[in-house]
PDB file of N, CA and C in Angstrom:
ATOM      1  N   MET A   1     -26.979 -26.497 -22.708  1.00  0.00           N
ATOM      2  CA  MET A   1     -26.750 -25.971 -21.387  1.00  0.00           C
ATOM      3  C   MET A   1     -25.535 -26.617 -20.732  1.00  0.00           C
ATOM      4  N   SER A   2     -25.355 -27.914 -20.968  1.00  0.00           N
ATOM      5  CA  SER A   2     -24.238 -28.615 -20.355  1.00  0.00           C
ATOM      6  C   SER A   2     -22.908 -28.144 -20.943  1.00  0.00           C
ATOM      7  N   GLU A   3     -22.918 -27.724 -22.244  1.00  0.00           N
ATOM      8  CA  GLU A   3     -21.698 -27.211 -22.856  1.00  0.00           C
ATOM      9  C   GLU A   3     -21.268 -25.916 -22.177  1.00  0.00           C
ATOM     10  N   LYS A   4     -22.225 -25.069 -21.895  1.00  0.00           N
ATOM     11  CA  LYS A   4     -21.935 -23.788 -21.247  1.00  0.00           C
ATOM     12  C   LYS A   4     -21.404 -24.014 -19.841  1.00  0.00           C
ATOM     13  N   SER A   5     -21.999 -24.930 -19.119  1.00  0.00           N
ATOM     14  CA  SER A   5     -21.584 -25.232 -17.761  1.00  0.00           C
ATOM     15  C   SER A   5     -20.164 -25.780 -17.724  1.00  0.00           C
ATOM     16  N   SER A   6     -19.848 -26.708 -18.631  1.00  0.00           N
ATOM     17  CA  SER A   6     -18.496 -27.275 -18.651  1.00  0.00           C
ATOM     18  C   SER A   6     -17.482 -26.236 -19.110  1.00  0.00           C
ATOM     19  N   LYS A   7     -17.910 -25.327 -19.988  1.00  0.00           N
ATOM     20  CA  LYS A   7     -17.028 -24.251 -20.450  1.00  0.00           C
ATOM     21  C   LYS A   7     -16.702 -23.305 -19.291  1.00  0.00           C
ATOM     22  N   GLU A   8     -17.706 -22.973 -18.473  1.00  0.00           N
ATOM     23  CA  GLU A   8     -17.498 -22.106 -17.312  1.00  0.00           C
ATOM     24  C   GLU A   8     -16.562 -22.758 -16.309  1.00  0.00           C
ATOM     25  N   LYS A   9     -16.733 -24.055 -16.095  1.00  0.00           N
ATOM     26  CA  LYS A   9     -15.857 -24.774 -15.160  1.00  0.00           C
ATOM     27  C   LYS A   9     -14.423 -24.771 -15.655  1.00  0.00           C
ATOM     28  N   ALA A  10     -14.236 -24.941 -16.961  1.00  0.00           N
ATOM     29  CA  ALA A  10     -12.891 -24.922 -17.539  1.00  0.00           C
ATOM     30  C   ALA A  10     -12.264 -23.545 -17.374  1.00  0.00           C
ATOM     31  N   GLN A  11     -13.078 -22.492 -17.564  1.00  0.00           N
ATOM     32  CA  GLN A  11     -12.570 -21.135 -17.402  1.00  0.00           C
ATOM     33  C   GLN A  11     -12.177 -20.873 -15.950  1.00  0.00           C
ATOM     34  N   LYS A  12     -12.983 -21.360 -15.014  1.00  0.00           N
ATOM     35  CA  LYS A  12     -12.671 -21.166 -13.600  1.00  0.00           C
ATOM     36  C   LYS A  12     -11.377 -21.882 -13.235  1.00  0.00           C
ATOM     37  N   LYS A  13     -11.224 -23.125 -13.710  1.00  0.00           N
ATOM     38  CA  LYS A  13      -9.998 -23.873 -13.430  1.00  0.00           C
ATOM     39  C   LYS A  13      -8.795 -23.158 -14.031  1.00  0.00           C
ATOM     40  N   SER A  14      -8.961 -22.658 -15.236  1.00  0.00           N
ATOM     41  CA  SER A  14      -7.879 -21.935 -15.899  1.00  0.00           C
ATOM     42  C   SER A  14      -7.532 -20.665 -15.118  1.00  0.00           C
ATOM     43  N   TRP A  15      -8.560 -19.986 -14.625  1.00  0.00           N
ATOM     44  CA  TRP A  15      -8.340 -18.756 -13.866  1.00  0.00           C
ATOM     45  C   TRP A  15      -7.575 -19.045 -12.586  1.00  0.00           C
ATOM     46  N   PHE A  16      -7.971 -20.117 -11.884  1.00  0.00           N
ATOM     47  CA  PHE A  16      -7.282 -20.470 -10.650  1.00  0.00           C
ATOM     48  C   PHE A  16      -5.849 -20.923 -10.923  1.00  0.00           C
ATOM     49  N   LYS A  17      -5.622 -21.606 -12.033  1.00  0.00           N
ATOM     50  CA  LYS A  17      -4.261 -22.002 -12.393  1.00  0.00           C
ATOM     51  C   LYS A  17      -3.402 -20.765 -12.644  1.00  0.00           C
ATOM     52  N   GLY A  18      -3.974 -19.791 -13.330  1.00  0.00           N
ATOM     53  CA  GLY A  18      -3.261 -18.533 -13.581  1.00  0.00           C
ATOM     54  C   GLY A  18      -2.966 -17.799 -12.288  1.00  0.00           C
ATOM     55  N   LEU A  19      -3.934 -17.795 -11.398  1.00  0.00           N
ATOM     56  CA  LEU A  19      -3.748 -17.135 -10.110  1.00  0.00           C
ATOM     57  C   LEU A  19      -2.635 -17.804  -9.313  1.00  0.00           C
ATOM     58  N   LYS A  20      -2.637 -19.125  -9.312  1.00  0.00           N
ATOM     59  CA  LYS A  20      -1.605 -19.876  -8.598  1.00  0.00           C
ATOM     60  C   LYS A  20      -0.229 -19.599  -9.200  1.00  0.00           C
ATOM     61  N   ALA A  21      -0.144 -19.523 -10.507  1.00  0.00           N
ATOM     62  CA  ALA A  21       1.124 -19.225 -11.173  1.00  0.00           C
ATOM     63  C   ALA A  21       1.619 -17.829 -10.805  1.00  0.00           C
ATOM     64  N   GLU A  22       0.704 -16.863 -10.724  1.00  0.00           N
ATOM     65  CA  GLU A  22       1.092 -15.502 -10.355  1.00  0.00           C
ATOM     66  C   GLU A  22       1.578 -15.438  -8.906  1.00  0.00           C
ATOM     67  N   PHE A  23       0.927 -16.178  -8.011  1.00  0.00           N
ATOM     68  CA  PHE A  23       1.358 -16.187  -6.614  1.00  0.00           C
ATOM     69  C   PHE A  23       2.746 -16.794  -6.461  1.00  0.00           C
ATOM     70  N   LYS A  24       3.095 -17.738  -7.331  1.00  0.00           N
ATOM     71  CA  LYS A  24       4.436 -18.324  -7.276  1.00  0.00           C
ATOM     72  C   LYS A  24       5.509 -17.330  -7.684  1.00  0.00           C
ATOM     73  N   LYS A  25       5.134 -16.314  -8.459  1.00  0.00           N
ATOM     74  CA  LYS A  25       6.087 -15.300  -8.914  1.00  0.00           C
ATOM     75  C   LYS A  25       6.404 -14.265  -7.838  1.00  0.00           C
ATOM     76  N   ILE A  26       5.573 -14.182  -6.816  1.00  0.00           N
ATOM     77  CA  ILE A  26       5.747 -13.167  -5.781  1.00  0.00           C
ATOM     78  C   ILE A  26       7.010 -13.452  -4.974  1.00  0.00           C
ATOM     79  N   ILE A  27       7.795 -12.405  -4.767  1.00  0.00           N
ATOM     80  CA  ILE A  27       8.978 -12.521  -3.913  1.00  0.00           C
ATOM     81  C   ILE A  27       8.612 -11.862  -2.589  1.00  0.00           C
ATOM     82  N   TRP A  28       8.390 -12.678  -1.573  1.00  0.00           N
ATOM     83  CA  TRP A  28       7.970 -12.160  -0.279  1.00  0.00           C
ATOM     84  C   TRP A  28       9.173 -11.606   0.459  1.00  0.00           C
ATOM     85  N   PRO A  29       9.035 -10.481   1.167  1.00  0.00           N
ATOM     86  CA  PRO A  29      10.174  -9.894   1.886  1.00  0.00           C
ATOM     87  C   PRO A  29      10.532 -10.714   3.126  1.00  0.00           C
ATOM     88  N   ASP A  30      11.810 -10.628   3.497  1.00  0.00           N
ATOM     89  CA  ASP A  30      12.220 -11.301   4.729  1.00  0.00           C
ATOM     90  C   ASP A  30      11.827 -10.431   5.923  1.00  0.00           C
ATOM     91  N   LYS A  31      11.995 -10.964   7.120  1.00  0.00           N
ATOM     92  CA  LYS A  31      11.531 -10.264   8.329  1.00  0.00           C
ATOM     93  C   LYS A  31      12.238  -8.931   8.532  1.00  0.00           C
ATOM     94  N   LYS A  32      13.528  -8.881   8.225  1.00  0.00           N
ATOM     95  CA  LYS A  32      14.293  -7.653   8.457  1.00  0.00           C
ATOM     96  C   LYS A  32      13.806  -6.522   7.543  1.00  0.00           C
ATOM     97  N   SER A  33      13.662  -6.797   6.262  1.00  0.00           N
ATOM     98  CA  SER A  33      13.203  -5.746   5.348  1.00  0.00           C
ATOM     99  C   SER A  33      11.742  -5.390   5.609  1.00  0.00           C
ATOM    100  N   LEU A  34      10.934  -6.370   5.999  1.00  0.00           N
ATOM    101  CA  LEU A  34       9.543  -6.097   6.338  1.00  0.00           C
ATOM    102  C   LEU A  34       9.448  -5.156   7.538  1.00  0.00           C
ATOM    103  N   ALA A  35      10.301  -5.377   8.534  1.00  0.00           N
ATOM    104  CA  ALA A  35      10.308  -4.514   9.716  1.00  0.00           C
ATOM    105  C   ALA A  35      10.744  -3.097   9.345  1.00  0.00           C
ATOM    106  N   LYS A  36      11.748  -2.978   8.485  1.00  0.00           N
ATOM    107  CA  LYS A  36      12.216  -1.651   8.047  1.00  0.00           C
ATOM    108  C   LYS A  36      11.123  -0.913   7.290  1.00  0.00           C
ATOM    109  N   GLU A  37      10.473  -1.608   6.366  1.00  0.00           N
ATOM    110  CA  GLU A  37       9.433  -0.971   5.568  1.00  0.00           C
ATOM    111  C   GLU A  37       8.224  -0.587   6.414  1.00  0.00           C
ATOM    112  N   THR A  38       7.872  -1.437   7.366  1.00  0.00           N
ATOM    113  CA  THR A  38       6.754  -1.133   8.259  1.00  0.00           C
ATOM    114  C   THR A  38       7.070   0.091   9.106  1.00  0.00           C
ATOM    115  N   THR A  39       8.299   0.147   9.624  1.00  0.00           N
ATOM    116  CA  THR A  39       8.728   1.301  10.418  1.00  0.00           C
ATOM    117  C   THR A  39       8.677   2.575   9.586  1.00  0.00           C
ATOM    118  N   ALA A  40       9.122   2.493   8.344  1.00  0.00           N
ATOM    119  CA  ALA A  40       9.104   3.665   7.464  1.00  0.00           C
ATOM    120  C   ALA A  40       7.670   4.130   7.208  1.00  0.00           C
ATOM    121  N   VAL A  41       6.767   3.208   6.952  1.00  0.00           N
ATOM    122  CA  VAL A  41       5.367   3.570   6.672  1.00  0.00           C
ATOM    123  C   VAL A  41       4.720   4.203   7.898  1.00  0.00           C
ATOM    124  N   VAL A  42       4.942   3.619   9.077  1.00  0.00           N
ATOM    125  CA  VAL A  42       4.351   4.164  10.303  1.00  0.00           C
ATOM    126  C   VAL A  42       4.927   5.550  10.599  1.00  0.00           C
ATOM    127  N   THR A  43       6.237   5.703  10.422  1.00  0.00           N
ATOM    128  CA  THR A  43       6.884   6.991  10.681  1.00  0.00           C
ATOM    129  C   THR A  43       6.339   8.080   9.757  1.00  0.00           C
ATOM    130  N   VAL A  44       6.252   7.786   8.472  1.00  0.00           N
ATOM    131  CA  VAL A  44       5.734   8.766   7.517  1.00  0.00           C
ATOM    132  C   VAL A  44       4.269   9.084   7.818  1.00  0.00           C
ATOM    133  N   SER A  45       3.490   8.076   8.177  1.00  0.00           N
ATOM    134  CA  SER A  45       2.072   8.297   8.488  1.00  0.00           C
ATOM    135  C   SER A  45       1.903   9.200   9.700  1.00  0.00           C
ATOM    136  N   VAL A  46       2.681   8.954  10.743  1.00  0.00           N
ATOM    137  CA  VAL A  46       2.604   9.792  11.951  1.00  0.00           C
ATOM    138  C   VAL A  46       3.055  11.214  11.625  1.00  0.00           C
ATOM    139  N   PHE A  47       4.140  11.351  10.874  1.00  0.00           N
ATOM    140  CA  PHE A  47       4.635  12.676  10.499  1.00  0.00           C
ATOM    141  C   PHE A  47       3.581  13.454   9.719  1.00  0.00           C
ATOM    142  N   LEU A  48       2.950  12.799   8.741  1.00  0.00           N
ATOM    143  CA  LEU A  48       1.918  13.480   7.956  1.00  0.00           C
ATOM    144  C   LEU A  48       0.699  13.828   8.801  1.00  0.00           C
ATOM    145  N   ALA A  49       0.341  12.967   9.743  1.00  0.00           N
ATOM    146  CA  ALA A  49      -0.795  13.258  10.629  1.00  0.00           C
ATOM    147  C   ALA A  49      -0.506  14.499  11.463  1.00  0.00           C
ATOM    148  N   VAL A  50       0.702  14.592  12.003  1.00  0.00           N
ATOM    149  CA  VAL A  50       1.077  15.763  12.803  1.00  0.00           C
ATOM    150  C   VAL A  50       1.102  17.010  11.929  1.00  0.00           C
ATOM    151  N   LEU A  51       1.668  16.900  10.741  1.00  0.00           N
ATOM    152  CA  LEU A  51       1.742  18.043   9.826  1.00  0.00           C
ATOM    153  C   LEU A  51       0.350  18.535   9.445  1.00  0.00           C
ATOM    154  N   ILE A  52      -0.542  17.638   9.109  1.00  0.00           N
ATOM    155  CA  ILE A  52      -1.912  18.023   8.749  1.00  0.00           C
ATOM    156  C   ILE A  52      -2.631  18.641   9.942  1.00  0.00           C
ATOM    157  N   SER A  53      -2.398  18.107  11.136  1.00  0.00           N
ATOM    158  CA  SER A  53      -3.026  18.678  12.342  1.00  0.00           C
ATOM    159  C   SER A  53      -2.535  20.092  12.594  1.00  0.00           C
ATOM    160  N   VAL A  54      -1.248  20.311  12.452  1.00  0.00           N
ATOM    161  CA  VAL A  54      -0.686  21.648  12.671  1.00  0.00           C
ATOM    162  C   VAL A  54      -1.246  22.633  11.653  1.00  0.00           C
ATOM    163  N   ILE A  55      -1.288  22.225  10.391  1.00  0.00           N
ATOM    164  CA  ILE A  55      -1.855  23.102   9.357  1.00  0.00           C
ATOM    165  C   ILE A  55      -3.319  23.389   9.636  1.00  0.00           C
ATOM    166  N   ASP A  56      -4.053  22.388  10.094  1.00  0.00           N
ATOM    167  CA  ASP A  56      -5.470  22.564  10.419  1.00  0.00           C
ATOM    168  C   ASP A  56      -5.655  23.574  11.538  1.00  0.00           C
ATOM    169  N   VAL A  57      -4.841  23.480  12.580  1.00  0.00           N
ATOM    170  CA  VAL A  57      -4.939  24.414  13.711  1.00  0.00           C
ATOM    171  C   VAL A  57      -4.603  25.829  13.255  1.00  0.00           C
ATOM    172  N   ILE A  58      -3.573  25.969  12.417  1.00  0.00           N
ATOM    173  CA  ILE A  58      -3.194  27.297  11.920  1.00  0.00           C
ATOM    174  C   ILE A  58      -4.316  27.890  11.073  1.00  0.00           C
ATOM    175  N   VAL A  59      -4.888  27.106  10.187  1.00  0.00           N
ATOM    176  CA  VAL A  59      -5.977  27.596   9.332  1.00  0.00           C
ATOM    177  C   VAL A  59      -7.195  27.948  10.183  1.00  0.00           C
ATOM    178  N   LYS A  60      -7.509  27.104  11.170  1.00  0.00           N
ATOM    179  CA  LYS A  60      -8.651  27.385  12.042  1.00  0.00           C
ATOM    180  C   LYS A  60      -8.425  28.686  12.815  1.00  0.00           C
ATOM    181  N   TYR A  61      -7.216  28.869  13.331  1.00  0.00           N
ATOM    182  CA  TYR A  61      -6.898  30.104  14.063  1.00  0.00           C
ATOM    183  C   TYR A  61      -7.018  31.309  13.131  1.00  0.00           C
ATOM    184  N   GLY A  62      -6.532  31.175  11.907  1.00  0.00           N
ATOM    185  CA  GLY A  62      -6.616  32.278  10.937  1.00  0.00           C
ATOM    186  C   GLY A  62      -8.039  32.618  10.589  1.00  0.00           C
ATOM    187  N   ILE A  63      -8.879  31.614  10.389  1.00  0.00           N
ATOM    188  CA  ILE A  63     -10.298  31.860  10.069  1.00  0.00           C
ATOM    189  C   ILE A  63     -10.999  32.500  11.257  1.00  0.00           C
ATOM    190  N   ASP A  64     -10.724  32.002  12.477  1.00  0.00           N
ATOM    191  CA  ASP A  64     -11.327  32.602  13.669  1.00  0.00           C
ATOM    192  C   ASP A  64     -10.899  34.048  13.827  1.00  0.00           C
ATOM    193  N   LEU A  65      -9.667  34.338  13.503  1.00  0.00           N
ATOM    194  CA  LEU A  65      -9.152  35.698  13.599  1.00  0.00           C
ATOM    195  C   LEU A  65      -9.867  36.630  12.604  1.00  0.00           C
ATOM    196  N   LEU A  66     -10.140  36.133  11.414  1.00  0.00           N
ATOM    197  CA  LEU A  66     -10.818  36.937  10.398  1.00  0.00           C
ATOM    198  C   LEU A  66     -12.291  37.131  10.695  1.00  0.00           C
ATOM    199  N   VAL A  67     -12.938  36.126  11.268  1.00  0.00           N
ATOM    200  CA  VAL A  67     -14.369  36.189  11.509  1.00  0.00           C
ATOM    201  C   VAL A  67     -14.696  37.087  12.692  1.00  0.00           C
ATOM    202  N   LYS A  68     -13.885  37.058  13.711  1.00  0.00           N
ATOM    203  CA  LYS A  68     -14.190  37.855  14.928  1.00  0.00           C
ATOM    204  C   LYS A  68     -13.872  39.283  14.766  1.00  0.00           C
TER     205      LYS A  68
END
């Protein structure tokens, strides 16, 4: 039982070492590029929300027109 426990601990330590190594590879964006990317994501999200709403209203109007 103690062999299994020590083996699990070694695997956990190895996993955390791997995780730490992967985090060191990350290239974090600077504030300027982060602001640009955030603006782009928000703009596209708002545009798609408006587009989906307009399509929804048109489809609803069309269905109401057919049903009545």
